[in-house]
Amino acid sequence: MSQIQIILHEQLGVKKLFSRWIPHSLCEEQKAARVTWCVRTLERFHAGSSNAVYNIVSGDESWIYAYEPETKNQLRVWVFENELKPTKIVRSRSVGKRMVATFVSKTGHVTTIPLEGQRTVNAEWYASICLPQVVSELRKENCNRRIILHHDNVSSHTAHNKRVFRARKHRIIRPSTVQPRPKP
């Protein structure tokens, strides 16, 4: 052990930890709204014992990044004993990225739909391209299956174009009405 390591570890009580990578931070109000929604959903579906949970399809959009990841050693930082474990939110500069919408159900992955030729999700794409592909994929297994679509409150999800989806006897559930706060 080098003299520097002896001073850091033994005399200063510092240790080196790896940063935990989290996608974003939620405010307390957003966390509370999500907990409330989860409790109501557990009650509604009898803590998962109801067969209706097989009808729930959850979807979300995400950027898929192609980048040179940092090595494990690059993520290491020095911390004192009483300090919290560090987290890393900001992604490194990406070489490329692509938006995809991914849908899962209780039985596993349903489908992943890439956005072709556009950078962001809008109501037109969601209602005319994305949802029909999801329904088509689900209909391969059971053509009479009722679908309960679960997603966040992004405006493209809550837009008026989804009336067609609802008209076909499918339901849409959203976790909460709390919108993310803008960063200062």
N, C-alpha and C. Protein backbone atom coordinates (compact mmCIF):
# COMPACT_ATOMS: atom_id res chain seq x y z
N MET A 1 0.85 -1.17 0.00
CA MET A 1 0.00 0.00 0.00
C MET A 1 0.91 1.24 0.00
N SER A 2 0.60 2.20 -0.87
CA SER A 2 1.43 3.40 -0.96
C SER A 2 1.15 4.33 0.21
N GLN A 3 2.05 5.29 0.41
CA GLN A 3 1.91 6.25 1.50
C GLN A 3 0.61 7.06 1.34
N ILE A 4 0.26 7.40 0.11
CA ILE A 4 -0.98 8.16 -0.15
C ILE A 4 -2.19 7.33 0.26
N GLN A 5 -2.20 6.05 -0.08
CA GLN A 5 -3.32 5.19 0.28
C GLN A 5 -3.43 5.03 1.80
N ILE A 6 -2.31 4.93 2.48
CA ILE A 6 -2.32 4.82 3.94
C ILE A 6 -2.94 6.06 4.55
N ILE A 7 -2.53 7.24 4.07
CA ILE A 7 -3.07 8.50 4.60
C ILE A 7 -4.57 8.57 4.33
N LEU A 8 -4.97 8.29 3.09
CA LEU A 8 -6.39 8.38 2.72
C LEU A 8 -7.24 7.39 3.49
N HIS A 9 -6.85 6.13 3.51
CA HIS A 9 -7.66 5.08 4.13
C HIS A 9 -7.61 5.10 5.66
N GLU A 10 -6.41 5.08 6.20
CA GLU A 10 -6.26 4.89 7.64
C GLU A 10 -6.38 6.18 8.44
N GLN A 11 -5.78 7.26 7.94
CA GLN A 11 -5.79 8.49 8.72
C GLN A 11 -7.03 9.35 8.45
N LEU A 12 -7.43 9.45 7.19
CA LEU A 12 -8.59 10.29 6.84
C LEU A 12 -9.90 9.51 6.78
N GLY A 13 -9.82 8.19 6.75
CA GLY A 13 -11.04 7.37 6.70
C GLY A 13 -11.79 7.47 5.39
N VAL A 14 -11.07 7.72 4.30
CA VAL A 14 -11.69 7.85 2.98
C VAL A 14 -11.65 6.51 2.28
N LYS A 15 -12.70 6.18 1.56
CA LYS A 15 -12.71 4.95 0.75
C LYS A 15 -13.18 5.30 -0.65
N LYS A 16 -12.88 4.45 -1.59
CA LYS A 16 -13.24 4.69 -2.98
C LYS A 16 -14.44 3.82 -3.34
N LEU A 17 -15.52 4.45 -3.84
CA LEU A 17 -16.75 3.75 -4.21
C LEU A 17 -17.08 4.01 -5.67
N PHE A 18 -17.93 3.16 -6.23
CA PHE A 18 -18.41 3.35 -7.58
C PHE A 18 -19.70 4.15 -7.56
N SER A 19 -19.85 5.07 -8.50
CA SER A 19 -21.09 5.86 -8.61
C SER A 19 -22.20 4.98 -9.12
N ARG A 20 -23.41 5.20 -8.59
CA ARG A 20 -24.59 4.50 -9.07
C ARG A 20 -25.22 5.36 -10.14
N TRP A 21 -25.59 4.78 -11.27
CA TRP A 21 -26.13 5.53 -12.40
C TRP A 21 -27.64 5.50 -12.35
N ILE A 22 -28.28 6.67 -12.25
CA ILE A 22 -29.74 6.76 -12.22
C ILE A 22 -30.20 7.63 -13.39
N PRO A 23 -31.35 7.32 -14.01
CA PRO A 23 -31.78 8.05 -15.20
C PRO A 23 -32.22 9.49 -14.92
N HIS A 24 -32.88 9.75 -13.81
CA HIS A 24 -33.32 11.10 -13.46
C HIS A 24 -33.75 11.11 -12.01
N SER A 25 -33.94 12.29 -11.48
CA SER A 25 -34.37 12.43 -10.09
C SER A 25 -35.82 12.90 -10.05
N LEU A 26 -36.60 12.35 -9.11
CA LEU A 26 -37.99 12.76 -8.93
C LEU A 26 -38.09 13.60 -7.66
N CYS A 27 -38.98 14.60 -7.69
CA CYS A 27 -39.23 15.38 -6.47
C CYS A 27 -40.12 14.54 -5.55
N GLU A 28 -40.25 14.96 -4.30
CA GLU A 28 -41.04 14.21 -3.32
C GLU A 28 -42.50 14.08 -3.75
N GLU A 29 -43.05 15.14 -4.35
CA GLU A 29 -44.44 15.12 -4.81
C GLU A 29 -44.65 14.05 -5.88
N GLN A 30 -43.69 13.93 -6.80
CA GLN A 30 -43.78 12.91 -7.85
C GLN A 30 -43.68 11.51 -7.27
N LYS A 31 -42.78 11.33 -6.30
CA LYS A 31 -42.63 10.02 -5.66
C LYS A 31 -43.92 9.62 -4.94
N ALA A 32 -44.51 10.58 -4.21
CA ALA A 32 -45.75 10.31 -3.47
C ALA A 32 -46.89 9.96 -4.43
N ALA A 33 -46.99 10.66 -5.55
CA ALA A 33 -48.04 10.39 -6.53
C ALA A 33 -47.88 8.98 -7.11
N ARG A 34 -46.66 8.57 -7.35
CA ARG A 34 -46.43 7.22 -7.89
C ARG A 34 -46.78 6.15 -6.86
N VAL A 35 -46.46 6.38 -5.60
CA VAL A 35 -46.81 5.42 -4.55
C VAL A 35 -48.32 5.29 -4.44
N THR A 36 -49.03 6.43 -4.44
CA THR A 36 -50.50 6.42 -4.36
C THR A 36 -51.09 5.64 -5.52
N TRP A 37 -50.60 5.89 -6.73
CA TRP A 37 -51.10 5.18 -7.91
C TRP A 37 -50.85 3.68 -7.77
N CYS A 38 -49.67 3.30 -7.29
CA CYS A 38 -49.35 1.87 -7.14
C CYS A 38 -50.27 1.20 -6.13
N VAL A 39 -50.55 1.87 -5.02
CA VAL A 39 -51.44 1.30 -4.00
C VAL A 39 -52.84 1.10 -4.58
N ARG A 40 -53.35 2.10 -5.31
CA ARG A 40 -54.69 1.97 -5.92
C ARG A 40 -54.71 0.84 -6.95
N THR A 41 -53.64 0.70 -7.71
CA THR A 41 -53.58 -0.36 -8.72
C THR A 41 -53.53 -1.73 -8.05
N LEU A 42 -52.77 -1.86 -6.98
CA LEU A 42 -52.74 -3.14 -6.24
C LEU A 42 -54.12 -3.51 -5.72
N GLU A 43 -54.85 -2.52 -5.20
CA GLU A 43 -56.21 -2.78 -4.72
C GLU A 43 -57.12 -3.18 -5.87
N ARG A 44 -57.02 -2.47 -6.97
CA ARG A 44 -57.88 -2.72 -8.13
C ARG A 44 -57.69 -4.12 -8.69
N PHE A 45 -56.46 -4.58 -8.72
CA PHE A 45 -56.17 -5.89 -9.30
C PHE A 45 -55.87 -6.94 -8.23
N HIS A 46 -56.37 -6.72 -7.04
CA HIS A 46 -56.26 -7.69 -5.93
C HIS A 46 -54.83 -8.17 -5.74
N ALA A 47 -53.92 -7.21 -5.64
CA ALA A 47 -52.49 -7.47 -5.40
C ALA A 47 -51.89 -8.40 -6.45
N GLY A 48 -52.38 -8.35 -7.66
CA GLY A 48 -51.83 -9.15 -8.74
C GLY A 48 -52.46 -10.51 -8.90
N SER A 49 -53.39 -10.89 -8.03
CA SER A 49 -54.01 -12.22 -8.14
C SER A 49 -55.14 -12.24 -9.17
N SER A 50 -55.61 -11.08 -9.59
CA SER A 50 -56.66 -11.01 -10.60
C SER A 50 -56.09 -11.38 -11.97
N ASN A 51 -56.84 -12.13 -12.75
CA ASN A 51 -56.40 -12.47 -14.10
C ASN A 51 -56.34 -11.25 -15.01
N ALA A 52 -56.98 -10.16 -14.61
CA ALA A 52 -56.96 -8.93 -15.42
C ALA A 52 -55.56 -8.34 -15.54
N VAL A 53 -54.63 -8.71 -14.65
CA VAL A 53 -53.27 -8.18 -14.77
C VAL A 53 -52.60 -8.65 -16.06
N TYR A 54 -53.08 -9.75 -16.63
CA TYR A 54 -52.52 -10.21 -17.90
C TYR A 54 -52.92 -9.29 -19.05
N ASN A 55 -53.92 -8.43 -18.84
CA ASN A 55 -54.35 -7.49 -19.88
C ASN A 55 -53.54 -6.20 -19.87
N ILE A 56 -52.78 -5.97 -18.81
CA ILE A 56 -52.02 -4.72 -18.69
C ILE A 56 -50.77 -4.79 -19.56
N VAL A 57 -50.61 -3.78 -20.39
CA VAL A 57 -49.42 -3.63 -21.22
C VAL A 57 -48.82 -2.27 -20.87
N SER A 58 -47.59 -2.27 -20.42
CA SER A 58 -46.93 -1.04 -20.01
C SER A 58 -45.94 -0.63 -21.08
N GLY A 59 -45.96 0.65 -21.43
CA GLY A 59 -45.06 1.14 -22.47
C GLY A 59 -44.36 2.41 -22.06
N ASP A 60 -43.19 2.60 -22.63
CA ASP A 60 -42.44 3.83 -22.39
C ASP A 60 -41.47 4.03 -23.53
N GLU A 61 -41.10 5.29 -23.73
CA GLU A 61 -40.13 5.62 -24.75
C GLU A 61 -38.79 5.89 -24.08
N SER A 62 -37.74 5.59 -24.81
CA SER A 62 -36.42 5.84 -24.26
C SER A 62 -35.43 6.04 -25.40
N TRP A 63 -34.45 6.85 -25.13
CA TRP A 63 -33.36 7.00 -26.09
C TRP A 63 -32.40 5.84 -25.89
N ILE A 64 -32.01 5.22 -26.96
CA ILE A 64 -30.98 4.19 -26.93
C ILE A 64 -29.70 4.87 -27.41
N TYR A 65 -28.72 4.94 -26.54
CA TYR A 65 -27.48 5.65 -26.84
C TYR A 65 -26.39 4.68 -27.27
N ALA A 66 -25.63 5.12 -28.24
CA ALA A 66 -24.41 4.41 -28.62
C ALA A 66 -23.27 5.32 -28.18
N TYR A 67 -22.45 4.87 -27.26
CA TYR A 67 -21.38 5.71 -26.75
C TYR A 67 -20.25 4.85 -26.22
N GLU A 68 -19.16 5.51 -25.97
CA GLU A 68 -18.02 4.83 -25.37
C GLU A 68 -18.20 4.91 -23.85
N PRO A 69 -18.58 3.82 -23.22
CA PRO A 69 -18.83 3.88 -21.77
C PRO A 69 -17.54 4.11 -20.99
N GLU A 70 -17.70 4.75 -19.84
CA GLU A 70 -16.55 4.93 -18.96
C GLU A 70 -16.18 3.58 -18.36
N THR A 71 -14.91 3.41 -18.12
CA THR A 71 -14.48 2.17 -17.48
C THR A 71 -14.88 2.22 -16.01
N LYS A 72 -14.87 1.07 -15.38
CA LYS A 72 -15.25 1.00 -13.98
C LYS A 72 -14.31 1.88 -13.13
N ASN A 73 -13.05 1.91 -13.49
CA ASN A 73 -12.10 2.74 -12.74
C ASN A 73 -12.39 4.23 -12.92
N GLN A 74 -12.92 4.63 -14.06
CA GLN A 74 -13.25 6.04 -14.28
C GLN A 74 -14.45 6.46 -13.44
N LEU A 75 -15.28 5.52 -13.00
CA LEU A 75 -16.45 5.84 -12.19
C LEU A 75 -16.14 5.89 -10.69
N ARG A 76 -14.93 5.53 -10.32
CA ARG A 76 -14.57 5.49 -8.90
C ARG A 76 -14.27 6.89 -8.39
N VAL A 77 -14.75 7.18 -7.19
CA VAL A 77 -14.50 8.48 -6.55
C VAL A 77 -14.17 8.25 -5.07
N TRP A 78 -13.43 9.18 -4.49
CA TRP A 78 -13.08 9.09 -3.08
C TRP A 78 -14.19 9.69 -2.24
N VAL A 79 -14.61 9.00 -1.16
CA VAL A 79 -15.62 9.53 -0.24
C VAL A 79 -15.21 9.24 1.20
N PHE A 80 -15.62 10.13 2.11
CA PHE A 80 -15.38 9.91 3.53
C PHE A 80 -16.43 8.97 4.08
N GLU A 81 -16.19 8.42 5.27
CA GLU A 81 -17.07 7.41 5.86
C GLU A 81 -18.51 7.87 6.01
N ASN A 82 -18.72 9.13 6.39
CA ASN A 82 -20.08 9.61 6.65
C ASN A 82 -20.77 10.19 5.41
N GLU A 83 -20.15 10.13 4.26
CA GLU A 83 -20.74 10.67 3.03
C GLU A 83 -21.63 9.62 2.35
N LEU A 84 -22.62 10.11 1.61
CA LEU A 84 -23.50 9.21 0.85
C LEU A 84 -22.76 8.65 -0.35
N LYS A 85 -23.24 7.51 -0.81
CA LYS A 85 -22.67 6.92 -2.02
C LYS A 85 -22.97 7.84 -3.20
N PRO A 86 -22.01 8.08 -4.06
CA PRO A 86 -22.22 9.00 -5.18
C PRO A 86 -23.12 8.40 -6.27
N THR A 87 -23.81 9.28 -6.97
CA THR A 87 -24.61 8.86 -8.13
C THR A 87 -24.17 9.66 -9.33
N LYS A 88 -24.42 9.12 -10.49
CA LYS A 88 -24.07 9.81 -11.73
C LYS A 88 -25.32 9.90 -12.58
N ILE A 89 -25.74 11.12 -12.91
CA ILE A 89 -26.96 11.32 -13.69
C ILE A 89 -26.64 11.62 -15.15
N VAL A 90 -25.66 12.46 -15.38
CA VAL A 90 -25.38 12.92 -16.74
C VAL A 90 -24.69 11.82 -17.53
N ARG A 91 -25.21 11.56 -18.71
CA ARG A 91 -24.59 10.57 -19.60
C ARG A 91 -23.42 11.22 -20.32
N SER A 92 -22.45 10.39 -20.66
CA SER A 92 -21.33 10.92 -21.43
C SER A 92 -21.80 11.23 -22.84
N ARG A 93 -21.03 12.03 -23.53
CA ARG A 93 -21.39 12.44 -24.89
C ARG A 93 -21.58 11.21 -25.76
N SER A 94 -22.74 11.12 -26.40
CA SER A 94 -23.05 9.91 -27.17
C SER A 94 -22.55 10.02 -28.60
N VAL A 95 -22.21 8.89 -29.15
CA VAL A 95 -21.81 8.81 -30.55
C VAL A 95 -23.05 8.89 -31.43
N GLY A 96 -24.14 8.30 -30.98
CA GLY A 96 -25.42 8.33 -31.70
C GLY A 96 -26.53 7.93 -30.76
N LYS A 97 -27.77 8.24 -31.15
CA LYS A 97 -28.90 7.84 -30.32
C LYS A 97 -30.12 7.63 -31.20
N ARG A 98 -31.05 6.82 -30.66
CA ARG A 98 -32.28 6.53 -31.38
C ARG A 98 -33.41 6.35 -30.37
N MET A 99 -34.56 6.92 -30.68
CA MET A 99 -35.73 6.81 -29.80
C MET A 99 -36.48 5.53 -30.14
N VAL A 100 -36.82 4.76 -29.09
CA VAL A 100 -37.63 3.56 -29.27
C VAL A 100 -38.74 3.54 -28.23
N ALA A 101 -39.85 2.94 -28.57
CA ALA A 101 -40.95 2.71 -27.63
C ALA A 101 -40.97 1.21 -27.34
N THR A 102 -40.92 0.85 -26.07
CA THR A 102 -40.89 -0.55 -25.67
C THR A 102 -42.11 -0.86 -24.82
N PHE A 103 -42.73 -2.02 -25.07
CA PHE A 103 -43.94 -2.43 -24.37
C PHE A 103 -43.73 -3.80 -23.76
N VAL A 104 -44.16 -3.95 -22.49
CA VAL A 104 -44.04 -5.22 -21.78
C VAL A 104 -45.37 -5.54 -21.10
N SER A 105 -45.57 -6.82 -20.82
CA SER A 105 -46.76 -7.25 -20.08
C SER A 105 -46.31 -8.22 -18.99
N LYS A 106 -47.24 -8.76 -18.26
CA LYS A 106 -46.89 -9.70 -17.19
C LYS A 106 -46.16 -10.92 -17.73
N THR A 107 -46.43 -11.28 -18.96
CA THR A 107 -45.78 -12.45 -19.54
C THR A 107 -44.44 -12.14 -20.20
N GLY A 108 -44.04 -10.85 -20.23
CA GLY A 108 -42.74 -10.50 -20.79
C GLY A 108 -42.80 -9.41 -21.84
N HIS A 109 -41.74 -9.34 -22.63
CA HIS A 109 -41.61 -8.32 -23.67
C HIS A 109 -42.67 -8.51 -24.75
N VAL A 110 -43.35 -7.43 -25.13
CA VAL A 110 -44.36 -7.48 -26.18
C VAL A 110 -43.75 -7.05 -27.50
N THR A 111 -43.24 -5.83 -27.56
CA THR A 111 -42.62 -5.33 -28.79
C THR A 111 -41.82 -4.08 -28.49
N THR A 112 -40.87 -3.79 -29.37
CA THR A 112 -40.11 -2.54 -29.34
C THR A 112 -40.25 -1.91 -30.70
N ILE A 113 -40.65 -0.63 -30.72
CA ILE A 113 -40.92 0.06 -31.97
C ILE A 113 -39.99 1.27 -32.08
N PRO A 114 -39.09 1.28 -33.07
CA PRO A 114 -38.21 2.45 -33.24
C PRO A 114 -38.94 3.58 -33.95
N LEU A 115 -38.58 4.80 -33.65
CA LEU A 115 -39.10 5.95 -34.38
C LEU A 115 -38.26 6.11 -35.63
N GLU A 116 -38.87 5.98 -36.76
CA GLU A 116 -38.16 6.11 -38.03
C GLU A 116 -38.25 7.54 -38.53
N GLY A 117 -37.14 8.16 -38.82
CA GLY A 117 -37.11 9.47 -39.45
C GLY A 117 -37.62 10.62 -38.60
N GLN A 118 -37.72 10.46 -37.30
CA GLN A 118 -38.11 11.58 -36.46
C GLN A 118 -37.40 11.46 -35.12
N ARG A 119 -37.33 12.57 -34.40
CA ARG A 119 -36.54 12.61 -33.18
C ARG A 119 -37.37 12.52 -31.91
N THR A 120 -38.65 12.86 -31.97
CA THR A 120 -39.47 12.84 -30.76
C THR A 120 -40.82 12.18 -31.03
N VAL A 121 -41.40 11.68 -29.96
CA VAL A 121 -42.73 11.07 -30.04
C VAL A 121 -43.77 12.18 -30.12
N ASN A 122 -44.73 12.03 -31.03
CA ASN A 122 -45.86 12.96 -31.05
C ASN A 122 -47.14 12.13 -31.09
N ALA A 123 -48.28 12.79 -30.89
CA ALA A 123 -49.56 12.09 -30.80
C ALA A 123 -49.89 11.35 -32.09
N GLU A 124 -49.59 11.94 -33.23
CA GLU A 124 -49.88 11.32 -34.52
C GLU A 124 -49.13 9.99 -34.67
N TRP A 125 -47.82 10.00 -34.38
CA TRP A 125 -47.02 8.77 -34.48
C TRP A 125 -47.53 7.73 -33.47
N TYR A 126 -47.80 8.18 -32.25
CA TYR A 126 -48.21 7.26 -31.20
C TYR A 126 -49.53 6.56 -31.54
N ALA A 127 -50.50 7.35 -32.04
CA ALA A 127 -51.83 6.79 -32.33
C ALA A 127 -51.90 6.04 -33.65
N SER A 128 -51.17 6.49 -34.67
CA SER A 128 -51.32 5.87 -35.99
C SER A 128 -50.27 4.81 -36.31
N ILE A 129 -49.13 4.84 -35.66
CA ILE A 129 -48.08 3.86 -35.96
C ILE A 129 -47.79 2.95 -34.76
N CYS A 130 -47.53 3.56 -33.62
CA CYS A 130 -47.09 2.80 -32.45
C CYS A 130 -48.18 1.88 -31.88
N LEU A 131 -49.31 2.46 -31.46
CA LEU A 131 -50.37 1.65 -30.83
C LEU A 131 -50.90 0.55 -31.75
N PRO A 132 -51.14 0.81 -33.05
CA PRO A 132 -51.59 -0.30 -33.90
C PRO A 132 -50.60 -1.46 -33.96
N GLN A 133 -49.29 -1.16 -33.93
CA GLN A 133 -48.30 -2.24 -33.94
C GLN A 133 -48.34 -3.04 -32.63
N VAL A 134 -48.55 -2.34 -31.52
CA VAL A 134 -48.65 -3.02 -30.23
C VAL A 134 -49.87 -3.94 -30.21
N VAL A 135 -51.01 -3.40 -30.63
CA VAL A 135 -52.25 -4.20 -30.66
C VAL A 135 -52.09 -5.39 -31.60
N SER A 136 -51.49 -5.16 -32.76
CA SER A 136 -51.27 -6.25 -33.72
C SER A 136 -50.42 -7.36 -33.11
N GLU A 137 -49.39 -6.98 -32.40
CA GLU A 137 -48.51 -7.96 -31.76
C GLU A 137 -49.27 -8.76 -30.70
N LEU A 138 -50.10 -8.08 -29.93
CA LEU A 138 -50.88 -8.76 -28.89
C LEU A 138 -51.96 -9.66 -29.49
N ARG A 139 -52.52 -9.27 -30.61
CA ARG A 139 -53.58 -10.04 -31.25
C ARG A 139 -53.08 -11.36 -31.85
N LYS A 140 -51.78 -11.49 -32.06
CA LYS A 140 -51.23 -12.74 -32.59
C LYS A 140 -51.52 -13.90 -31.63
N GLU A 141 -51.49 -13.60 -30.33
CA GLU A 141 -51.73 -14.64 -29.32
C GLU A 141 -53.21 -14.84 -29.05
N ASN A 142 -53.96 -13.74 -28.99
CA ASN A 142 -55.38 -13.82 -28.62
C ASN A 142 -56.12 -12.66 -29.28
N CYS A 143 -56.90 -12.95 -30.29
CA CYS A 143 -57.55 -11.88 -31.06
C CYS A 143 -58.66 -11.18 -30.28
N ASN A 144 -59.16 -11.76 -29.21
CA ASN A 144 -60.24 -11.15 -28.42
C ASN A 144 -59.75 -10.50 -27.13
N ARG A 145 -58.46 -10.47 -26.95
CA ARG A 145 -57.88 -9.98 -25.70
C ARG A 145 -58.21 -8.50 -25.48
N ARG A 146 -58.64 -8.18 -24.27
CA ARG A 146 -58.85 -6.79 -23.87
C ARG A 146 -57.48 -6.26 -23.42
N ILE A 147 -57.17 -5.03 -23.78
CA ILE A 147 -55.87 -4.45 -23.48
C ILE A 147 -56.05 -3.25 -22.55
N ILE A 148 -55.28 -3.24 -21.47
CA ILE A 148 -55.23 -2.08 -20.58
C ILE A 148 -53.83 -1.50 -20.75
N LEU A 149 -53.74 -0.34 -21.38
CA LEU A 149 -52.46 0.28 -21.67
C LEU A 149 -52.05 1.20 -20.52
N HIS A 150 -50.86 0.97 -20.00
CA HIS A 150 -50.32 1.78 -18.90
C HIS A 150 -49.13 2.57 -19.43
N HIS A 151 -49.16 3.88 -19.24
CA HIS A 151 -48.04 4.72 -19.65
C HIS A 151 -48.03 5.99 -18.82
N ASP A 152 -47.01 6.81 -19.02
CA ASP A 152 -46.91 8.05 -18.25
C ASP A 152 -47.80 9.14 -18.84
N ASN A 153 -47.68 10.35 -18.33
CA ASN A 153 -48.56 11.44 -18.73
C ASN A 153 -48.02 12.33 -19.84
N VAL A 154 -47.13 11.84 -20.64
CA VAL A 154 -46.61 12.65 -21.74
C VAL A 154 -47.77 13.02 -22.65
N SER A 155 -47.76 14.25 -23.17
CA SER A 155 -48.91 14.74 -23.94
C SER A 155 -49.23 13.88 -25.15
N SER A 156 -48.22 13.25 -25.76
CA SER A 156 -48.50 12.39 -26.91
C SER A 156 -49.33 11.18 -26.51
N HIS A 157 -49.23 10.77 -25.24
CA HIS A 157 -50.01 9.63 -24.75
C HIS A 157 -51.42 10.03 -24.39
N THR A 158 -51.60 11.25 -23.96
CA THR A 158 -52.90 11.69 -23.47
C THR A 158 -53.67 12.47 -24.53
N ALA A 159 -53.16 12.51 -25.72
CA ALA A 159 -53.76 13.33 -26.78
C ALA A 159 -55.06 12.75 -27.31
N HIS A 160 -55.79 13.57 -27.97
CA HIS A 160 -57.10 13.26 -28.51
C HIS A 160 -57.05 12.15 -29.58
N ASN A 161 -55.91 11.91 -30.22
CA ASN A 161 -55.80 10.89 -31.27
C ASN A 161 -56.02 9.47 -30.75
N LYS A 162 -55.99 9.25 -29.45
CA LYS A 162 -56.16 7.91 -28.93
C LYS A 162 -57.61 7.50 -28.76
N ARG A 163 -58.53 8.35 -29.18
CA ARG A 163 -59.95 7.96 -29.10
C ARG A 163 -60.20 6.69 -29.91
N VAL A 164 -59.47 6.53 -31.00
CA VAL A 164 -59.62 5.32 -31.82
C VAL A 164 -59.24 4.09 -31.00
N PHE A 165 -58.16 4.19 -30.25
CA PHE A 165 -57.72 3.09 -29.41
C PHE A 165 -58.78 2.76 -28.36
N ARG A 166 -59.31 3.79 -27.73
CA ARG A 166 -60.34 3.59 -26.71
C ARG A 166 -61.63 3.05 -27.32
N ALA A 167 -61.96 3.46 -28.52
CA ALA A 167 -63.20 3.03 -29.17
C ALA A 167 -63.21 1.52 -29.41
N ARG A 168 -62.04 0.91 -29.46
CA ARG A 168 -61.97 -0.54 -29.69
C ARG A 168 -62.00 -1.31 -28.38
N LYS A 169 -62.55 -0.70 -27.34
CA LYS A 169 -62.75 -1.34 -26.04
C LYS A 169 -61.44 -1.65 -25.30
N HIS A 170 -60.45 -0.81 -25.51
CA HIS A 170 -59.22 -0.91 -24.75
C HIS A 170 -59.24 0.21 -23.72
N ARG A 171 -58.53 0.03 -22.62
CA ARG A 171 -58.48 1.06 -21.58
C ARG A 171 -57.08 1.62 -21.50
N ILE A 172 -56.99 2.84 -21.03
CA ILE A 172 -55.70 3.49 -20.83
C ILE A 172 -55.65 3.95 -19.38
N ILE A 173 -54.57 3.57 -18.68
CA ILE A 173 -54.39 4.02 -17.30
C ILE A 173 -53.07 4.76 -17.21
N ARG A 174 -53.06 5.82 -16.40
CA ARG A 174 -51.85 6.63 -16.22
C ARG A 174 -51.49 6.65 -14.75
N PRO A 175 -50.19 6.71 -14.44
CA PRO A 175 -49.78 6.63 -13.05
C PRO A 175 -50.19 7.82 -12.19
N SER A 176 -50.12 9.02 -12.69
CA SER A 176 -50.48 10.18 -11.87
C SER A 176 -50.61 11.40 -12.75
N THR A 177 -51.06 12.48 -12.14
CA THR A 177 -51.17 13.72 -12.89
C THR A 177 -50.03 14.66 -12.57
N VAL A 178 -49.06 14.21 -11.79
CA VAL A 178 -47.94 15.07 -11.42
C VAL A 178 -46.95 15.11 -12.57
N GLN A 179 -46.70 16.30 -13.07
CA GLN A 179 -45.75 16.49 -14.16
C GLN A 179 -44.37 16.81 -13.59
N PRO A 180 -43.30 16.45 -14.31
CA PRO A 180 -41.96 16.77 -13.82
C PRO A 180 -41.77 18.28 -13.71
N ARG A 181 -41.07 18.68 -12.68
CA ARG A 181 -40.77 20.10 -12.52
C ARG A 181 -39.58 20.46 -13.39
N PRO A 182 -39.58 21.66 -13.98
CA PRO A 182 -38.41 22.07 -14.76
C PRO A 182 -37.21 22.26 -13.84
N LYS A 183 -36.04 21.92 -14.33
CA LYS A 183 -34.82 22.07 -13.55
C LYS A 183 -34.46 23.55 -13.48
N PRO A 184 -34.03 24.05 -12.31
CA PRO A 184 -33.67 25.48 -12.19
C PRO A 184 -32.39 25.79 -12.94
